[in-house]
PDB file of all heavy atoms in Angstrom:
ATOM      1  N   LYS A   1      20.791   2.540 -25.914  1.00  0.00           N
ATOM      2  CA  LYS A   1      19.557   2.992 -26.560  1.00  0.00           C
ATOM      3  C   LYS A   1      18.637   1.813 -26.831  1.00  0.00           C
ATOM      4  O   LYS A   1      17.415   1.933 -26.687  1.00  0.00           O
ATOM      5  CB  LYS A   1      19.873   3.716 -27.858  1.00  0.00           C
ATOM      6  CG  LYS A   1      20.482   5.089 -27.643  1.00  0.00           C
ATOM      7  CD  LYS A   1      20.715   5.773 -28.955  1.00  0.00           C
ATOM      8  CE  LYS A   1      21.397   7.107 -28.745  1.00  0.00           C
ATOM      9  NZ  LYS A   1      21.643   7.808 -30.008  1.00  0.00           N
ATOM     10  N   ASN A   2      19.214   0.676 -27.238  1.00  0.00           N
ATOM     11  CA  ASN A   2      18.395  -0.503 -27.500  1.00  0.00           C
ATOM     12  C   ASN A   2      17.719  -0.992 -26.224  1.00  0.00           C
ATOM     13  O   ASN A   2      16.578  -1.443 -26.241  1.00  0.00           O
ATOM     14  CB  ASN A   2      19.244  -1.624 -28.088  1.00  0.00           C
ATOM     15  CG  ASN A   2      19.678  -1.315 -29.504  1.00  0.00           C
ATOM     16  OD1 ASN A   2      19.056  -0.529 -30.191  1.00  0.00           O
ATOM     17  ND2 ASN A   2      20.759  -1.920 -29.935  1.00  0.00           N
ATOM     18  N   THR A   3      18.420  -0.903 -25.111  1.00  0.00           N
ATOM     19  CA  THR A   3      17.869  -1.326 -23.831  1.00  0.00           C
ATOM     20  C   THR A   3      16.691  -0.422 -23.440  1.00  0.00           C
ATOM     21  O   THR A   3      15.656  -0.913 -22.990  1.00  0.00           O
ATOM     22  CB  THR A   3      18.956  -1.288 -22.731  1.00  0.00           C
ATOM     23  OG1 THR A   3      20.068  -2.047 -23.161  1.00  0.00           O
ATOM     24  CG2 THR A   3      18.430  -1.829 -21.431  1.00  0.00           C
ATOM     25  N   LEU A   4      16.861   0.875 -23.618  1.00  0.00           N
ATOM     26  CA  LEU A   4      15.763   1.796 -23.295  1.00  0.00           C
ATOM     27  C   LEU A   4      14.573   1.575 -24.209  1.00  0.00           C
ATOM     28  O   LEU A   4      13.423   1.603 -23.754  1.00  0.00           O
ATOM     29  CB  LEU A   4      16.241   3.243 -23.397  1.00  0.00           C
ATOM     30  CG  LEU A   4      17.238   3.694 -22.325  1.00  0.00           C
ATOM     31  CD1 LEU A   4      17.723   5.101 -22.620  1.00  0.00           C
ATOM     32  CD2 LEU A   4      16.605   3.615 -20.952  1.00  0.00           C
ATOM     33  N   LYS A   5      14.819   1.338 -25.495  1.00  0.00           N
ATOM     34  CA  LYS A   5      13.719   1.052 -26.426  1.00  0.00           C
ATOM     35  C   LYS A   5      12.978  -0.207 -25.994  1.00  0.00           C
ATOM     36  O   LYS A   5      11.750  -0.254 -26.004  1.00  0.00           O
ATOM     37  CB  LYS A   5      14.247   0.866 -27.840  1.00  0.00           C
ATOM     38  CG  LYS A   5      14.593   2.139 -28.550  1.00  0.00           C
ATOM     39  CD  LYS A   5      15.051   1.813 -29.968  1.00  0.00           C
ATOM     40  CE  LYS A   5      15.518   3.042 -30.688  1.00  0.00           C
ATOM     41  NZ  LYS A   5      15.989   2.709 -32.051  1.00  0.00           N
ATOM     42  N   PHE A   6      13.747  -1.245 -25.612  1.00  0.00           N
ATOM     43  CA  PHE A   6      13.124  -2.499 -25.186  1.00  0.00           C
ATOM     44  C   PHE A   6      12.272  -2.279 -23.949  1.00  0.00           C
ATOM     45  O   PHE A   6      11.142  -2.770 -23.865  1.00  0.00           O
ATOM     46  CB  PHE A   6      14.190  -3.563 -24.913  1.00  0.00           C
ATOM     47  CG  PHE A   6      13.637  -4.827 -24.340  1.00  0.00           C
ATOM     48  CD1 PHE A   6      12.958  -5.716 -25.155  1.00  0.00           C
ATOM     49  CD2 PHE A   6      13.768  -5.118 -22.998  1.00  0.00           C
ATOM     50  CE1 PHE A   6      12.437  -6.886 -24.625  1.00  0.00           C
ATOM     51  CE2 PHE A   6      13.231  -6.262 -22.462  1.00  0.00           C
ATOM     52  CZ  PHE A   6      12.577  -7.163 -23.282  1.00  0.00           C
ATOM     53  N   CYS A   7      12.809  -1.550 -22.951  1.00  0.00           N
ATOM     54  CA  CYS A   7      12.071  -1.299 -21.717  1.00  0.00           C
ATOM     55  C   CYS A   7      10.796  -0.511 -21.971  1.00  0.00           C
ATOM     56  O   CYS A   7       9.734  -0.856 -21.447  1.00  0.00           O
ATOM     57  CB  CYS A   7      12.942  -0.551 -20.707  1.00  0.00           C
ATOM     58  SG  CYS A   7      14.191  -1.577 -19.943  1.00  0.00           S
ATOM     59  N   LEU A   8      10.890   0.535 -22.769  1.00  0.00           N
ATOM     60  CA  LEU A   8       9.702   1.333 -23.072  1.00  0.00           C
ATOM     61  C   LEU A   8       8.662   0.520 -23.835  1.00  0.00           C
ATOM     62  O   LEU A   8       7.458   0.594 -23.563  1.00  0.00           O
ATOM     63  CB  LEU A   8      10.093   2.580 -23.849  1.00  0.00           C
ATOM     64  CG  LEU A   8      10.802   3.664 -23.030  1.00  0.00           C
ATOM     65  CD1 LEU A   8      11.227   4.816 -23.945  1.00  0.00           C
ATOM     66  CD2 LEU A   8       9.910   4.172 -21.915  1.00  0.00           C
ATOM     67  N   THR A   9       9.131  -0.278 -24.799  1.00  0.00           N
ATOM     68  CA  THR A   9       8.205  -1.116 -25.562  1.00  0.00           C
ATOM     69  C   THR A   9       7.545  -2.125 -24.650  1.00  0.00           C
ATOM     70  O   THR A   9       6.338  -2.380 -24.757  1.00  0.00           O
ATOM     71  CB  THR A   9       8.966  -1.831 -26.697  1.00  0.00           C
ATOM     72  OG1 THR A   9       9.628  -0.845 -27.485  1.00  0.00           O
ATOM     73  CG2 THR A   9       8.039  -2.626 -27.555  1.00  0.00           C
ATOM     74  N   TRP A  10       8.320  -2.735 -23.756  1.00  0.00           N
ATOM     75  CA  TRP A  10       7.784  -3.713 -22.821  1.00  0.00           C
ATOM     76  C   TRP A  10       6.728  -3.081 -21.925  1.00  0.00           C
ATOM     77  O   TRP A  10       5.647  -3.629 -21.734  1.00  0.00           O
ATOM     78  CB  TRP A  10       8.918  -4.298 -21.968  1.00  0.00           C
ATOM     79  CG  TRP A  10       8.444  -5.277 -20.963  1.00  0.00           C
ATOM     80  CD1 TRP A  10       8.046  -5.025 -19.685  1.00  0.00           C
ATOM     81  CD2 TRP A  10       8.273  -6.686 -21.145  1.00  0.00           C
ATOM     82  NE1 TRP A  10       7.678  -6.169 -19.058  1.00  0.00           N
ATOM     83  CE2 TRP A  10       7.797  -7.209 -19.930  1.00  0.00           C
ATOM     84  CE3 TRP A  10       8.502  -7.550 -22.201  1.00  0.00           C
ATOM     85  CZ2 TRP A  10       7.539  -8.548 -19.759  1.00  0.00           C
ATOM     86  CZ3 TRP A  10       8.240  -8.900 -22.017  1.00  0.00           C
ATOM     87  CH2 TRP A  10       7.766  -9.376 -20.828  1.00  0.00           C
ATOM     88  N   ILE A  11       7.036  -1.913 -21.355  1.00  0.00           N
ATOM     89  CA  ILE A  11       6.105  -1.254 -20.431  1.00  0.00           C
ATOM     90  C   ILE A  11       4.813  -0.871 -21.153  1.00  0.00           C
ATOM     91  O   ILE A  11       3.715  -1.076 -20.625  1.00  0.00           O
ATOM     92  CB  ILE A  11       6.788  -0.040 -19.781  1.00  0.00           C
ATOM     93  CG1 ILE A  11       7.878  -0.509 -18.815  1.00  0.00           C
ATOM     94  CG2 ILE A  11       5.773   0.837 -19.049  1.00  0.00           C
ATOM     95  CD1 ILE A  11       8.759   0.587 -18.282  1.00  0.00           C
ATOM     96  N   ILE A  12       4.923  -0.339 -22.361  1.00  0.00           N
ATOM     97  CA  ILE A  12       3.714   0.026 -23.132  1.00  0.00           C
ATOM     98  C   ILE A  12       2.897  -1.221 -23.442  1.00  0.00           C
ATOM     99  O   ILE A  12       1.672  -1.219 -23.313  1.00  0.00           O
ATOM    100  CB  ILE A  12       4.111   0.785 -24.408  1.00  0.00           C
ATOM    101  CG1 ILE A  12       4.655   2.168 -24.042  1.00  0.00           C
ATOM    102  CG2 ILE A  12       2.926   0.913 -25.361  1.00  0.00           C
ATOM    103  CD1 ILE A  12       5.302   2.910 -25.180  1.00  0.00           C
ATOM    104  N   GLY A  13       3.565  -2.293 -23.816  1.00  0.00           N
ATOM    105  CA  GLY A  13       2.871  -3.545 -24.113  1.00  0.00           C
ATOM    106  C   GLY A  13       2.173  -4.102 -22.876  1.00  0.00           C
ATOM    107  O   GLY A  13       1.044  -4.598 -22.970  1.00  0.00           O
ATOM    108  N   VAL A  14       2.831  -4.035 -21.732  1.00  0.00           N
ATOM    109  CA  VAL A  14       2.227  -4.532 -20.494  1.00  0.00           C
ATOM    110  C   VAL A  14       1.002  -3.706 -20.140  1.00  0.00           C
ATOM    111  O   VAL A  14      -0.048  -4.252 -19.793  1.00  0.00           O
ATOM    112  CB  VAL A  14       3.266  -4.517 -19.344  1.00  0.00           C
ATOM    113  CG1 VAL A  14       2.599  -4.672 -17.996  1.00  0.00           C
ATOM    114  CG2 VAL A  14       4.303  -5.595 -19.557  1.00  0.00           C
ATOM    115  N   VAL A  15       1.121  -2.395 -20.197  1.00  0.00           N
ATOM    116  CA  VAL A  15      -0.002  -1.526 -19.862  1.00  0.00           C
ATOM    117  C   VAL A  15      -1.190  -1.808 -20.783  1.00  0.00           C
ATOM    118  O   VAL A  15      -2.329  -1.976 -20.314  1.00  0.00           O
ATOM    119  CB  VAL A  15       0.415  -0.047 -19.913  1.00  0.00           C
ATOM    120  CG1 VAL A  15      -0.789   0.865 -19.815  1.00  0.00           C
ATOM    121  CG2 VAL A  15       1.412   0.283 -18.818  1.00  0.00           C
ATOM    122  N   LEU A  16      -0.913  -1.870 -22.076  1.00  0.00           N
ATOM    123  CA  LEU A  16      -2.009  -2.126 -23.023  1.00  0.00           C
ATOM    124  C   LEU A  16      -2.641  -3.500 -22.799  1.00  0.00           C
ATOM    125  O   LEU A  16      -3.874  -3.628 -22.794  1.00  0.00           O
ATOM    126  CB  LEU A  16      -1.495  -2.014 -24.461  1.00  0.00           C
ATOM    127  CG  LEU A  16      -1.184  -0.604 -24.946  1.00  0.00           C
ATOM    128  CD1 LEU A  16      -0.586  -0.657 -26.348  1.00  0.00           C
ATOM    129  CD2 LEU A  16      -2.442   0.247 -24.937  1.00  0.00           C
ATOM    130  N   SER A  17      -1.827  -4.513 -22.612  1.00  0.00           N
ATOM    131  CA  SER A  17      -2.394  -5.860 -22.454  1.00  0.00           C
ATOM    132  C   SER A  17      -3.198  -5.994 -21.169  1.00  0.00           C
ATOM    133  O   SER A  17      -4.264  -6.612 -21.155  1.00  0.00           O
ATOM    134  CB  SER A  17      -1.305  -6.914 -22.517  1.00  0.00           C
ATOM    135  OG  SER A  17      -0.381  -6.746 -21.468  1.00  0.00           O
ATOM    136  N   VAL A  18      -2.717  -5.407 -20.065  1.00  0.00           N
ATOM    137  CA  VAL A  18      -3.464  -5.491 -18.800  1.00  0.00           C
ATOM    138  C   VAL A  18      -4.760  -4.713 -18.905  1.00  0.00           C
ATOM    139  O   VAL A  18      -5.815  -5.178 -18.425  1.00  0.00           O
ATOM    140  CB  VAL A  18      -2.581  -5.007 -17.622  1.00  0.00           C
ATOM    141  CG1 VAL A  18      -3.403  -4.848 -16.367  1.00  0.00           C
ATOM    142  CG2 VAL A  18      -1.436  -5.969 -17.379  1.00  0.00           C
ATOM    143  N   VAL A  19      -4.748  -3.544 -19.523  1.00  0.00           N
ATOM    144  CA  VAL A  19      -5.982  -2.767 -19.684  1.00  0.00           C
ATOM    145  C   VAL A  19      -6.961  -3.506 -20.588  1.00  0.00           C
ATOM    146  O   VAL A  19      -8.153  -3.589 -20.288  1.00  0.00           O
ATOM    147  CB  VAL A  19      -5.661  -1.350 -20.220  1.00  0.00           C
ATOM    148  CG1 VAL A  19      -6.922  -0.640 -20.658  1.00  0.00           C
ATOM    149  CG2 VAL A  19      -4.922  -0.539 -19.173  1.00  0.00           C
ATOM    150  N   ILE A  20      -6.485  -4.080 -21.677  1.00  0.00           N
ATOM    151  CA  ILE A  20      -7.370  -4.813 -22.596  1.00  0.00           C
ATOM    152  C   ILE A  20      -7.952  -6.043 -21.889  1.00  0.00           C
ATOM    153  O   ILE A  20      -9.145  -6.339 -22.044  1.00  0.00           O
ATOM    154  CB  ILE A  20      -6.612  -5.205 -23.874  1.00  0.00           C
ATOM    155  CG1 ILE A  20      -6.355  -3.940 -24.706  1.00  0.00           C
ATOM    156  CG2 ILE A  20      -7.372  -6.244 -24.682  1.00  0.00           C
ATOM    157  CD1 ILE A  20      -5.434  -4.168 -25.886  1.00  0.00           C
ATOM    158  N   MET A  21      -7.128  -6.760 -21.112  1.00  0.00           N
ATOM    159  CA  MET A  21      -7.646  -7.920 -20.372  1.00  0.00           C
ATOM    160  C   MET A  21      -8.713  -7.494 -19.374  1.00  0.00           C
ATOM    161  O   MET A  21      -9.726  -8.184 -19.214  1.00  0.00           O
ATOM    162  CB  MET A  21      -6.514  -8.647 -19.647  1.00  0.00           C
ATOM    163  CG  MET A  21      -5.633  -9.467 -20.541  1.00  0.00           C
ATOM    164  SD  MET A  21      -4.231 -10.294 -19.757  1.00  0.00           S
ATOM    165  CE  MET A  21      -4.482 -10.201 -18.028  1.00  0.00           C
ATOM    166  N   SER A  22      -8.499  -6.369 -18.719  1.00  0.00           N
ATOM    167  CA  SER A  22      -9.480  -5.898 -17.729  1.00  0.00           C
ATOM    168  C   SER A  22     -10.789  -5.492 -18.396  1.00  0.00           C
ATOM    169  O   SER A  22     -11.870  -5.797 -17.881  1.00  0.00           O
ATOM    170  CB  SER A  22      -8.901  -4.712 -16.954  1.00  0.00           C
ATOM    171  OG  SER A  22      -7.746  -5.080 -16.255  1.00  0.00           O
ATOM    172  N   VAL A  23     -10.707  -4.815 -19.522  1.00  0.00           N
ATOM    173  CA  VAL A  23     -11.919  -4.413 -20.245  1.00  0.00           C
ATOM    174  C   VAL A  23     -12.642  -5.657 -20.773  1.00  0.00           C
ATOM    175  O   VAL A  23     -13.865  -5.746 -20.703  1.00  0.00           O
ATOM    176  CB  VAL A  23     -11.559  -3.444 -21.397  1.00  0.00           C
ATOM    177  CG1 VAL A  23     -12.742  -3.218 -22.310  1.00  0.00           C
ATOM    178  CG2 VAL A  23     -11.070  -2.126 -20.826  1.00  0.00           C
ATOM    179  N   TRP A  24     -11.879  -6.634 -21.261  1.00  0.00           N
ATOM    180  CA  TRP A  24     -12.460  -7.842 -21.812  1.00  0.00           C
ATOM    181  C   TRP A  24     -13.240  -8.624 -20.754  1.00  0.00           C
ATOM    182  O   TRP A  24     -14.302  -9.171 -21.020  1.00  0.00           O
ATOM    183  CB  TRP A  24     -11.345  -8.717 -22.383  1.00  0.00           C
ATOM    184  CG  TRP A  24     -11.827  -9.891 -23.164  1.00  0.00           C
ATOM    185  CD1 TRP A  24     -12.088 -11.137 -22.681  1.00  0.00           C
ATOM    186  CD2 TRP A  24     -12.125  -9.939 -24.551  1.00  0.00           C
ATOM    187  NE1 TRP A  24     -12.508 -11.965 -23.683  1.00  0.00           N
ATOM    188  CE2 TRP A  24     -12.545 -11.235 -24.849  1.00  0.00           C
ATOM    189  CE3 TRP A  24     -12.064  -9.005 -25.570  1.00  0.00           C
ATOM    190  CZ2 TRP A  24     -12.886 -11.625 -26.127  1.00  0.00           C
ATOM    191  CZ3 TRP A  24     -12.404  -9.393 -26.847  1.00  0.00           C
ATOM    192  CH2 TRP A  24     -12.816 -10.679 -27.111  1.00  0.00           C
ATOM    193  N   ARG A  25     -12.732  -8.636 -19.539  1.00  0.00           N
ATOM    194  CA  ARG A  25     -13.363  -9.370 -18.436  1.00  0.00           C
ATOM    195  C   ARG A  25     -14.370  -8.513 -17.659  1.00  0.00           C
ATOM    196  O   ARG A  25     -14.971  -9.010 -16.707  1.00  0.00           O
ATOM    197  CB  ARG A  25     -12.313  -9.861 -17.464  1.00  0.00           C
ATOM    198  CG  ARG A  25     -11.366 -10.851 -18.033  1.00  0.00           C
ATOM    199  CD  ARG A  25     -10.345 -11.241 -16.991  1.00  0.00           C
ATOM    200  NE  ARG A  25      -9.340 -12.120 -17.524  1.00  0.00           N
ATOM    201  CZ  ARG A  25      -8.236 -12.451 -16.907  1.00  0.00           C
ATOM    202  NH1 ARG A  25      -7.996 -11.962 -15.697  1.00  0.00           N
ATOM    203  NH2 ARG A  25      -7.372 -13.261 -17.453  1.00  0.00           N
ATOM    204  N   ASN A  26     -14.532  -7.256 -18.029  1.00  0.00           N
ATOM    205  CA  ASN A  26     -15.403  -6.318 -17.307  1.00  0.00           C
ATOM    206  C   ASN A  26     -14.998  -6.212 -15.829  1.00  0.00           C
ATOM    207  O   ASN A  26     -15.839  -6.229 -14.938  1.00  0.00           O
ATOM    208  CB  ASN A  26     -16.871  -6.721 -17.415  1.00  0.00           C
ATOM    209  CG  ASN A  26     -17.389  -6.529 -18.814  1.00  0.00           C
ATOM    210  OD1 ASN A  26     -16.932  -5.636 -19.528  1.00  0.00           O
ATOM    211  ND2 ASN A  26     -18.315  -7.362 -19.231  1.00  0.00           N
ATOM    212  N   GLU A  27     -13.698  -6.119 -15.583  1.00  0.00           N
ATOM    213  CA  GLU A  27     -13.161  -5.991 -14.237  1.00  0.00           C
ATOM    214  C   GLU A  27     -12.367  -4.710 -14.128  1.00  0.00           C
ATOM    215  O   GLU A  27     -12.141  -4.008 -15.108  1.00  0.00           O
ATOM    216  CB  GLU A  27     -12.246  -7.177 -13.904  1.00  0.00           C
ATOM    217  CG  GLU A  27     -12.932  -8.509 -13.893  1.00  0.00           C
ATOM    218  CD  GLU A  27     -11.951  -9.642 -13.659  1.00  0.00           C
ATOM    219  OE1 GLU A  27     -10.730  -9.399 -13.702  1.00  0.00           O
ATOM    220  OE2 GLU A  27     -12.407 -10.770 -13.461  1.00  0.00           O
ATOM    221  N   GLU A  28     -11.914  -4.430 -12.899  1.00  0.00           N
ATOM    222  CA  GLU A  28     -11.003  -3.311 -12.697  1.00  0.00           C
ATOM    223  C   GLU A  28      -9.612  -3.692 -13.183  1.00  0.00           C
ATOM    224  O   GLU A  28      -9.300  -4.873 -13.346  1.00  0.00           O
ATOM    225  CB  GLU A  28     -10.952  -2.936 -11.221  1.00  0.00           C
ATOM    226  CG  GLU A  28     -12.242  -2.372 -10.685  1.00  0.00           C
ATOM    227  CD  GLU A  28     -12.137  -2.001  -9.230  1.00  0.00           C
ATOM    228  OE1 GLU A  28     -11.041  -2.148  -8.645  1.00  0.00           O
ATOM    229  OE2 GLU A  28     -13.149  -1.567  -8.672  1.00  0.00           O
ATOM    230  N   VAL A  29      -8.778  -2.694 -13.379  1.00  0.00           N
ATOM    231  CA  VAL A  29      -7.400  -2.947 -13.801  1.00  0.00           C
ATOM    232  C   VAL A  29      -6.658  -3.651 -12.676  1.00  0.00           C
ATOM    233  O   VAL A  29      -6.713  -3.228 -11.521  1.00  0.00           O
ATOM    234  CB  VAL A  29      -6.683  -1.631 -14.182  1.00  0.00           C
ATOM    235  CG1 VAL A  29      -5.232  -1.866 -14.489  1.00  0.00           C
ATOM    236  CG2 VAL A  29      -7.377  -0.977 -15.355  1.00  0.00           C
ATOM    237  N   ASP A  30      -5.956  -4.731 -13.009  1.00  0.00           N
ATOM    238  CA  ASP A  30      -5.199  -5.492 -12.032  1.00  0.00           C
ATOM    239  C   ASP A  30      -3.838  -4.814 -11.848  1.00  0.00           C
ATOM    240  O   ASP A  30      -2.888  -5.057 -12.585  1.00  0.00           O
ATOM    241  CB  ASP A  30      -5.018  -6.931 -12.514  1.00  0.00           C
ATOM    242  CG  ASP A  30      -4.438  -7.830 -11.439  1.00  0.00           C
ATOM    243  OD1 ASP A  30      -4.181  -7.329 -10.332  1.00  0.00           O
ATOM    244  OD2 ASP A  30      -4.229  -9.013 -11.735  1.00  0.00           O
ATOM    245  N   TRP A  31      -3.757  -3.942 -10.844  1.00  0.00           N
ATOM    246  CA  TRP A  31      -2.550  -3.139 -10.638  1.00  0.00           C
ATOM    247  C   TRP A  31      -1.379  -3.988 -10.184  1.00  0.00           C
ATOM    248  O   TRP A  31      -0.231  -3.702 -10.515  1.00  0.00           O
ATOM    249  CB  TRP A  31      -2.825  -2.018  -9.639  1.00  0.00           C
ATOM    250  CG  TRP A  31      -3.804  -1.034 -10.169  1.00  0.00           C
ATOM    251  CD1 TRP A  31      -5.105  -0.908  -9.797  1.00  0.00           C
ATOM    252  CD2 TRP A  31      -3.579  -0.058 -11.196  1.00  0.00           C
ATOM    253  NE1 TRP A  31      -5.706   0.096 -10.526  1.00  0.00           N
ATOM    254  CE2 TRP A  31      -4.790   0.638 -11.383  1.00  0.00           C
ATOM    255  CE3 TRP A  31      -2.486   0.292 -11.963  1.00  0.00           C
ATOM    256  CZ2 TRP A  31      -4.930   1.661 -12.309  1.00  0.00           C
ATOM    257  CZ3 TRP A  31      -2.618   1.317 -12.887  1.00  0.00           C
ATOM    258  CH2 TRP A  31      -3.817   1.985 -13.044  1.00  0.00           C
ATOM    259  N   LYS A  32      -1.653  -5.045  -9.418  1.00  0.00           N
ATOM    260  CA  LYS A  32      -0.563  -5.922  -8.969  1.00  0.00           C
ATOM    261  C   LYS A  32       0.114  -6.590 -10.159  1.00  0.00           C
ATOM    262  O   LYS A  32       1.351  -6.655 -10.213  1.00  0.00           O
ATOM    263  CB  LYS A  32      -1.096  -6.985  -8.003  1.00  0.00           C
ATOM    264  CG  LYS A  32      -1.445  -6.454  -6.641  1.00  0.00           C
ATOM    265  CD  LYS A  32      -1.833  -7.597  -5.737  1.00  0.00           C
ATOM    266  CE  LYS A  32      -3.332  -7.559  -5.583  1.00  0.00           C
ATOM    267  NZ  LYS A  32      -3.864  -8.563  -4.696  1.00  0.00           N
ATOM    268  N   LEU A  33      -0.666  -7.071 -11.083  1.00  0.00           N
ATOM    269  CA  LEU A  33      -0.111  -7.700 -12.286  1.00  0.00           C
ATOM    270  C   LEU A  33       0.670  -6.687 -13.108  1.00  0.00           C
ATOM    271  O   LEU A  33       1.777  -6.979 -13.571  1.00  0.00           O
ATOM    272  CB  LEU A  33      -1.233  -8.314 -13.122  1.00  0.00           C
ATOM    273  CG  LEU A  33      -0.833  -8.949 -14.456  1.00  0.00           C
ATOM    274  CD1 LEU A  33       0.090 -10.133 -14.222  1.00  0.00           C
ATOM    275  CD2 LEU A  33      -2.064  -9.359 -15.226  1.00  0.00           C
ATOM    276  N   LEU A  34       0.116  -5.510 -13.271  1.00  0.00           N
ATOM    277  CA  LEU A  34       0.751  -4.460 -14.058  1.00  0.00           C
ATOM    278  C   LEU A  34       2.117  -4.101 -13.480  1.00  0.00           C
ATOM    279  O   LEU A  34       3.140  -4.139 -14.180  1.00  0.00           O
ATOM    280  CB  LEU A  34      -0.145  -3.226 -14.101  1.00  0.00           C
ATOM    281  CG  LEU A  34       0.358  -2.032 -14.888  1.00  0.00           C
ATOM    282  CD1 LEU A  34       0.285  -2.317 -16.378  1.00  0.00           C
ATOM    283  CD2 LEU A  34      -0.438  -0.801 -14.555  1.00  0.00           C
TER     284      LEU A  34
END
């Protein structure tokens, strides 16, 4: 359960950070990085 929580938290954090970086730079979402 801890592993699944970590994976889900990591994935949510990655999605949010990549979207925020893209909005901040006025660019498209970097799907390769995501």
